[in-house]
């Protein structure tokens, strides 16, 4: 199973983390399954950018980006060339390292 290394984030995982998930799982699902409560305002339906992550290592190993994701990413805060919506970034067999941006466009967080 691939390992997802999450770089430290002050809110979601202050010390960073490493989780494993089966190939074919989205990064968002893997984080949520391992108690890293990344935002996902659209419930992983590729309709917002709150689950935006920057893939620091392993970008090319993720499933291909479709046009819907590309269009949405244009609205993401802190967009970088290796940005992905974690709900659409599907793991293969390779490990990845991600960074969760400090901010998202979601100004109202539920349950926080």
N, C-alpha and C. Protein backbone atom coordinates (compact mmCIF):
# COMPACT_ATOMS: atom_id res chain seq x y z
N UNK A 1 0.84 -1.19 0.00
CA UNK A 1 0.00 0.00 0.00
C UNK A 1 0.88 1.25 0.00
N UNK A 2 0.48 2.25 -0.80
CA UNK A 2 1.27 3.48 -0.82
C UNK A 2 1.14 4.25 0.49
N UNK A 3 2.18 5.00 0.79
CA UNK A 3 2.22 5.86 1.97
C UNK A 3 1.99 7.30 1.53
N UNK A 4 1.15 8.00 2.27
CA UNK A 4 0.96 9.44 2.05
C UNK A 4 1.64 10.14 3.21
N UNK A 5 2.65 10.92 2.90
CA UNK A 5 3.32 11.73 3.91
C UNK A 5 2.69 13.11 3.87
N UNK A 6 2.16 13.56 5.01
CA UNK A 6 1.52 14.86 5.10
C UNK A 6 2.47 15.79 5.85
N UNK A 7 2.86 16.86 5.19
CA UNK A 7 3.75 17.83 5.83
C UNK A 7 2.98 18.55 6.94
N UNK A 8 3.68 19.05 7.96
CA UNK A 8 2.99 19.70 9.08
C UNK A 8 2.04 20.82 8.62
N UNK A 9 0.87 20.84 9.24
CA UNK A 9 -0.15 21.87 9.02
C UNK A 9 -0.64 22.27 10.40
N UNK A 10 -0.69 23.57 10.71
CA UNK A 10 -1.02 24.00 12.08
C UNK A 10 -2.37 23.51 12.61
N UNK A 11 -3.33 23.26 11.73
CA UNK A 11 -4.66 22.85 12.18
C UNK A 11 -4.91 21.35 12.04
N UNK A 12 -4.57 20.78 10.91
CA UNK A 12 -4.95 19.40 10.62
C UNK A 12 -3.98 18.37 11.17
N UNK A 13 -2.70 18.65 11.14
CA UNK A 13 -1.70 17.72 11.69
C UNK A 13 -0.43 18.51 11.98
N UNK A 14 -0.38 19.15 13.15
CA UNK A 14 0.74 20.03 13.50
C UNK A 14 2.12 19.38 13.41
N UNK A 15 2.21 18.09 13.63
CA UNK A 15 3.51 17.41 13.59
C UNK A 15 3.73 16.67 12.28
N UNK A 16 2.83 16.84 11.33
CA UNK A 16 2.90 16.05 10.12
C UNK A 16 2.39 14.65 10.41
N UNK A 17 2.29 13.84 9.38
CA UNK A 17 1.78 12.48 9.58
C UNK A 17 2.14 11.64 8.37
N UNK A 18 2.05 10.33 8.57
CA UNK A 18 2.17 9.37 7.47
C UNK A 18 1.03 8.38 7.62
N UNK A 19 0.30 8.15 6.52
CA UNK A 19 -0.80 7.19 6.52
C UNK A 19 -0.65 6.29 5.30
N UNK A 20 -1.23 5.13 5.37
CA UNK A 20 -1.26 4.23 4.23
C UNK A 20 -2.69 4.07 3.76
N UNK A 21 -2.84 3.77 2.48
CA UNK A 21 -4.17 3.56 1.91
C UNK A 21 -4.03 2.66 0.70
N UNK A 22 -5.06 1.90 0.40
CA UNK A 22 -4.99 1.04 -0.78
C UNK A 22 -4.92 1.85 -2.07
N UNK A 23 -4.24 1.31 -3.07
CA UNK A 23 -4.26 1.92 -4.40
C UNK A 23 -5.70 2.06 -4.84
N UNK A 24 -6.01 3.13 -5.56
CA UNK A 24 -7.38 3.36 -6.01
C UNK A 24 -8.19 4.23 -5.06
N UNK A 25 -7.60 4.59 -3.92
CA UNK A 25 -8.24 5.45 -2.93
C UNK A 25 -7.86 6.90 -3.23
N UNK A 26 -8.79 7.82 -3.01
CA UNK A 26 -8.43 9.23 -3.17
C UNK A 26 -7.63 9.68 -1.95
N UNK A 27 -6.81 10.69 -2.15
CA UNK A 27 -6.05 11.24 -1.03
C UNK A 27 -7.00 11.73 0.06
N UNK A 28 -8.09 12.38 -0.32
CA UNK A 28 -9.06 12.90 0.65
C UNK A 28 -9.63 11.76 1.50
N UNK A 29 -10.07 10.69 0.87
CA UNK A 29 -10.61 9.54 1.61
C UNK A 29 -9.58 8.98 2.57
N UNK A 30 -8.34 8.86 2.11
CA UNK A 30 -7.28 8.31 2.95
C UNK A 30 -7.04 9.18 4.17
N UNK A 31 -7.03 10.50 3.98
CA UNK A 31 -6.82 11.39 5.12
C UNK A 31 -7.97 11.28 6.11
N UNK A 32 -9.19 11.34 5.61
CA UNK A 32 -10.36 11.26 6.49
C UNK A 32 -10.41 9.91 7.22
N UNK A 33 -10.06 8.83 6.54
CA UNK A 33 -10.06 7.50 7.16
C UNK A 33 -9.03 7.39 8.28
N UNK A 34 -8.05 8.30 8.26
CA UNK A 34 -7.00 8.29 9.28
C UNK A 34 -7.07 9.50 10.21
N UNK A 35 -8.28 10.02 10.38
CA UNK A 35 -8.57 11.10 11.34
C UNK A 35 -7.84 12.40 11.06
N UNK A 36 -7.50 12.66 9.80
CA UNK A 36 -6.98 13.97 9.40
C UNK A 36 -8.14 14.65 8.69
N UNK A 37 -8.81 15.53 9.39
CA UNK A 37 -10.10 16.09 8.98
C UNK A 37 -9.96 17.23 7.98
N UNK A 38 -9.39 16.94 6.81
CA UNK A 38 -9.27 17.94 5.76
C UNK A 38 -10.66 18.40 5.34
N UNK A 39 -10.76 19.67 4.98
CA UNK A 39 -12.05 20.19 4.53
C UNK A 39 -12.47 19.50 3.23
N UNK A 40 -13.75 19.32 3.07
CA UNK A 40 -14.32 18.73 1.86
C UNK A 40 -15.78 19.15 1.77
N UNK A 41 -15.98 20.44 1.56
CA UNK A 41 -17.31 21.05 1.65
C UNK A 41 -18.33 20.44 0.68
N UNK A 42 -17.88 19.93 -0.46
CA UNK A 42 -18.82 19.37 -1.44
C UNK A 42 -18.97 17.86 -1.29
N UNK A 43 -18.46 17.33 -0.19
CA UNK A 43 -18.55 15.88 0.08
C UNK A 43 -17.89 15.06 -1.02
N UNK A 44 -16.75 15.55 -1.51
CA UNK A 44 -15.90 14.84 -2.48
C UNK A 44 -16.56 14.64 -3.84
N UNK A 45 -17.37 15.62 -4.28
CA UNK A 45 -18.04 15.51 -5.58
C UNK A 45 -17.42 16.39 -6.66
N UNK A 46 -16.23 16.91 -6.42
CA UNK A 46 -15.51 17.75 -7.39
C UNK A 46 -16.33 18.99 -7.74
N UNK A 47 -16.84 19.66 -6.68
CA UNK A 47 -17.64 20.86 -6.89
C UNK A 47 -17.10 22.08 -6.15
N UNK A 48 -15.96 21.93 -5.45
CA UNK A 48 -15.37 23.05 -4.72
C UNK A 48 -13.85 22.85 -4.69
N UNK A 49 -13.16 23.67 -3.94
CA UNK A 49 -11.70 23.53 -3.85
C UNK A 49 -11.20 23.40 -2.42
N UNK A 50 -12.09 23.12 -1.48
CA UNK A 50 -11.68 23.10 -0.08
C UNK A 50 -10.73 21.96 0.27
N UNK A 51 -10.66 20.92 -0.55
CA UNK A 51 -9.75 19.80 -0.27
C UNK A 51 -8.45 19.91 -1.06
N UNK A 52 -8.16 21.09 -1.57
CA UNK A 52 -6.95 21.34 -2.36
C UNK A 52 -5.69 20.97 -1.57
N UNK A 53 -4.78 20.25 -2.23
CA UNK A 53 -3.47 19.93 -1.67
C UNK A 53 -2.41 20.20 -2.74
N UNK A 54 -1.18 20.38 -2.28
CA UNK A 54 -0.04 20.51 -3.19
C UNK A 54 0.77 19.23 -3.04
N UNK A 55 0.99 18.55 -4.14
CA UNK A 55 1.72 17.29 -4.13
C UNK A 55 3.20 17.62 -4.30
N UNK A 56 3.97 17.38 -3.25
CA UNK A 56 5.39 17.71 -3.26
C UNK A 56 6.24 16.58 -3.86
N UNK A 57 5.79 15.34 -3.72
CA UNK A 57 6.48 14.19 -4.32
C UNK A 57 5.43 13.19 -4.77
N UNK A 58 5.66 12.59 -5.94
CA UNK A 58 4.77 11.55 -6.43
C UNK A 58 3.62 12.06 -7.30
N UNK A 59 3.67 13.30 -7.74
CA UNK A 59 2.58 13.90 -8.53
C UNK A 59 2.24 13.06 -9.76
N UNK A 60 3.25 12.63 -10.49
CA UNK A 60 3.03 11.91 -11.75
C UNK A 60 2.38 10.54 -11.54
N UNK A 61 2.45 10.02 -10.32
CA UNK A 61 1.89 8.69 -10.08
C UNK A 61 0.38 8.72 -9.85
N UNK A 62 -0.18 9.90 -9.60
CA UNK A 62 -1.61 10.00 -9.31
C UNK A 62 -2.43 9.86 -10.59
N UNK A 63 -3.69 9.46 -10.43
CA UNK A 63 -4.58 9.36 -11.57
C UNK A 63 -4.65 10.69 -12.31
N UNK A 64 -4.96 10.63 -13.59
CA UNK A 64 -4.98 11.83 -14.42
C UNK A 64 -6.05 12.82 -13.98
N UNK A 65 -5.75 14.09 -14.17
CA UNK A 65 -6.67 15.16 -13.83
C UNK A 65 -7.66 15.34 -14.99
N UNK A 66 -8.95 15.46 -14.67
CA UNK A 66 -9.91 15.71 -15.74
C UNK A 66 -10.20 17.21 -15.84
N UNK A 67 -10.97 17.58 -16.84
CA UNK A 67 -11.23 18.99 -17.11
C UNK A 67 -11.96 19.69 -15.97
N UNK A 68 -12.89 18.99 -15.30
CA UNK A 68 -13.63 19.59 -14.17
C UNK A 68 -12.68 20.00 -13.06
N UNK A 69 -11.74 19.11 -12.73
CA UNK A 69 -10.78 19.41 -11.68
C UNK A 69 -9.89 20.58 -12.09
N UNK A 70 -9.42 20.57 -13.33
CA UNK A 70 -8.57 21.66 -13.80
C UNK A 70 -9.29 23.00 -13.69
N UNK A 71 -10.56 23.04 -14.09
CA UNK A 71 -11.33 24.28 -14.02
C UNK A 71 -11.50 24.77 -12.59
N UNK A 72 -11.79 23.85 -11.67
CA UNK A 72 -11.97 24.23 -10.27
C UNK A 72 -10.67 24.70 -9.63
N UNK A 73 -9.59 24.05 -9.96
CA UNK A 73 -8.30 24.41 -9.35
C UNK A 73 -7.92 25.87 -9.62
N UNK A 74 -8.41 26.42 -10.72
CA UNK A 74 -8.12 27.83 -11.01
C UNK A 74 -8.60 28.75 -9.90
N UNK A 75 -9.55 28.29 -9.10
CA UNK A 75 -10.11 29.11 -8.01
C UNK A 75 -9.48 28.81 -6.64
N UNK A 76 -8.58 27.86 -6.59
CA UNK A 76 -7.99 27.44 -5.31
C UNK A 76 -6.99 28.47 -4.80
N UNK A 77 -6.98 28.65 -3.48
CA UNK A 77 -6.01 29.55 -2.86
C UNK A 77 -4.64 28.87 -2.88
N UNK A 78 -3.59 29.61 -3.26
CA UNK A 78 -2.24 29.07 -3.22
C UNK A 78 -1.95 28.05 -4.30
N UNK A 79 -2.58 28.19 -5.45
CA UNK A 79 -2.42 27.24 -6.55
C UNK A 79 -0.95 27.14 -6.98
N UNK A 80 -0.49 25.90 -7.18
CA UNK A 80 0.87 25.62 -7.65
C UNK A 80 0.78 24.63 -8.80
N UNK A 81 1.86 24.47 -9.57
CA UNK A 81 1.81 23.52 -10.70
C UNK A 81 1.47 22.09 -10.29
N UNK A 82 1.76 21.71 -9.05
CA UNK A 82 1.46 20.35 -8.60
C UNK A 82 0.26 20.30 -7.66
N UNK A 83 -0.65 21.26 -7.81
CA UNK A 83 -1.89 21.27 -7.01
C UNK A 83 -2.86 20.23 -7.54
N UNK A 84 -3.60 19.62 -6.61
CA UNK A 84 -4.68 18.69 -6.96
C UNK A 84 -5.81 18.87 -5.96
N UNK A 85 -7.01 18.50 -6.37
CA UNK A 85 -8.11 18.36 -5.42
C UNK A 85 -7.93 16.96 -4.83
N UNK A 86 -7.80 16.89 -3.53
CA UNK A 86 -7.50 15.58 -2.93
C UNK A 86 -8.62 14.57 -3.14
N UNK A 87 -9.85 15.04 -3.38
CA UNK A 87 -10.95 14.11 -3.63
C UNK A 87 -10.86 13.48 -5.01
N UNK A 88 -10.06 14.06 -5.89
CA UNK A 88 -9.92 13.56 -7.25
C UNK A 88 -8.56 12.92 -7.51
N UNK A 89 -7.62 13.10 -6.59
CA UNK A 89 -6.26 12.57 -6.74
C UNK A 89 -6.25 11.12 -6.25
N UNK A 90 -6.22 10.18 -7.19
CA UNK A 90 -6.32 8.76 -6.88
C UNK A 90 -4.92 8.14 -6.80
N UNK A 91 -4.69 7.44 -5.69
CA UNK A 91 -3.38 6.83 -5.45
C UNK A 91 -3.14 5.63 -6.37
N UNK A 92 -1.88 5.51 -6.78
CA UNK A 92 -1.44 4.31 -7.49
C UNK A 92 -0.66 3.48 -6.47
N UNK A 93 0.46 2.90 -6.88
CA UNK A 93 1.28 2.12 -5.95
C UNK A 93 2.45 2.91 -5.39
N UNK A 94 2.60 4.16 -5.80
CA UNK A 94 3.75 4.97 -5.39
C UNK A 94 3.40 5.86 -4.20
N UNK A 95 4.37 6.05 -3.31
CA UNK A 95 4.20 6.95 -2.17
C UNK A 95 4.11 8.39 -2.66
N UNK A 96 3.39 9.21 -1.91
CA UNK A 96 3.29 10.63 -2.22
C UNK A 96 3.52 11.46 -0.97
N UNK A 97 3.99 12.67 -1.18
CA UNK A 97 4.13 13.65 -0.10
C UNK A 97 3.25 14.83 -0.47
N UNK A 98 2.41 15.27 0.48
CA UNK A 98 1.50 16.38 0.20
C UNK A 98 1.64 17.47 1.25
N UNK A 99 1.23 18.65 0.85
CA UNK A 99 1.13 19.78 1.75
C UNK A 99 -0.30 20.31 1.65
N UNK A 100 -0.94 20.49 2.79
CA UNK A 100 -2.27 21.09 2.81
C UNK A 100 -2.06 22.59 2.95
N UNK A 101 -2.55 23.39 2.00
CA UNK A 101 -2.35 24.83 2.09
C UNK A 101 -2.92 25.40 3.39
N UNK A 102 -2.33 26.48 3.83
CA UNK A 102 -2.72 27.10 5.10
C UNK A 102 -4.16 27.61 5.05
N UNK A 103 -4.60 28.05 3.89
CA UNK A 103 -5.94 28.63 3.75
C UNK A 103 -6.70 27.93 2.65
N UNK A 104 -8.02 28.06 2.71
CA UNK A 104 -8.86 27.64 1.59
C UNK A 104 -9.86 28.77 1.35
N UNK A 105 -10.65 28.64 0.30
CA UNK A 105 -11.64 29.67 0.03
C UNK A 105 -12.88 29.52 0.91
N UNK A 106 -12.92 28.49 1.73
CA UNK A 106 -14.05 28.26 2.61
C UNK A 106 -13.90 29.12 3.86
N UNK A 107 -14.68 30.18 3.95
CA UNK A 107 -14.56 31.10 5.08
C UNK A 107 -15.31 30.60 6.32
N UNK A 108 -16.30 29.75 6.12
CA UNK A 108 -17.09 29.25 7.24
C UNK A 108 -16.88 27.75 7.35
N UNK A 109 -16.17 27.33 8.39
CA UNK A 109 -15.91 25.91 8.59
C UNK A 109 -16.94 25.36 9.56
N UNK A 110 -17.56 24.27 9.17
CA UNK A 110 -18.54 23.65 10.06
C UNK A 110 -17.84 22.81 11.11
N UNK A 111 -18.39 22.81 12.30
CA UNK A 111 -17.89 21.95 13.36
C UNK A 111 -16.55 22.37 13.94
N UNK A 112 -16.15 23.61 13.74
CA UNK A 112 -14.87 24.07 14.27
C UNK A 112 -15.06 25.33 15.06
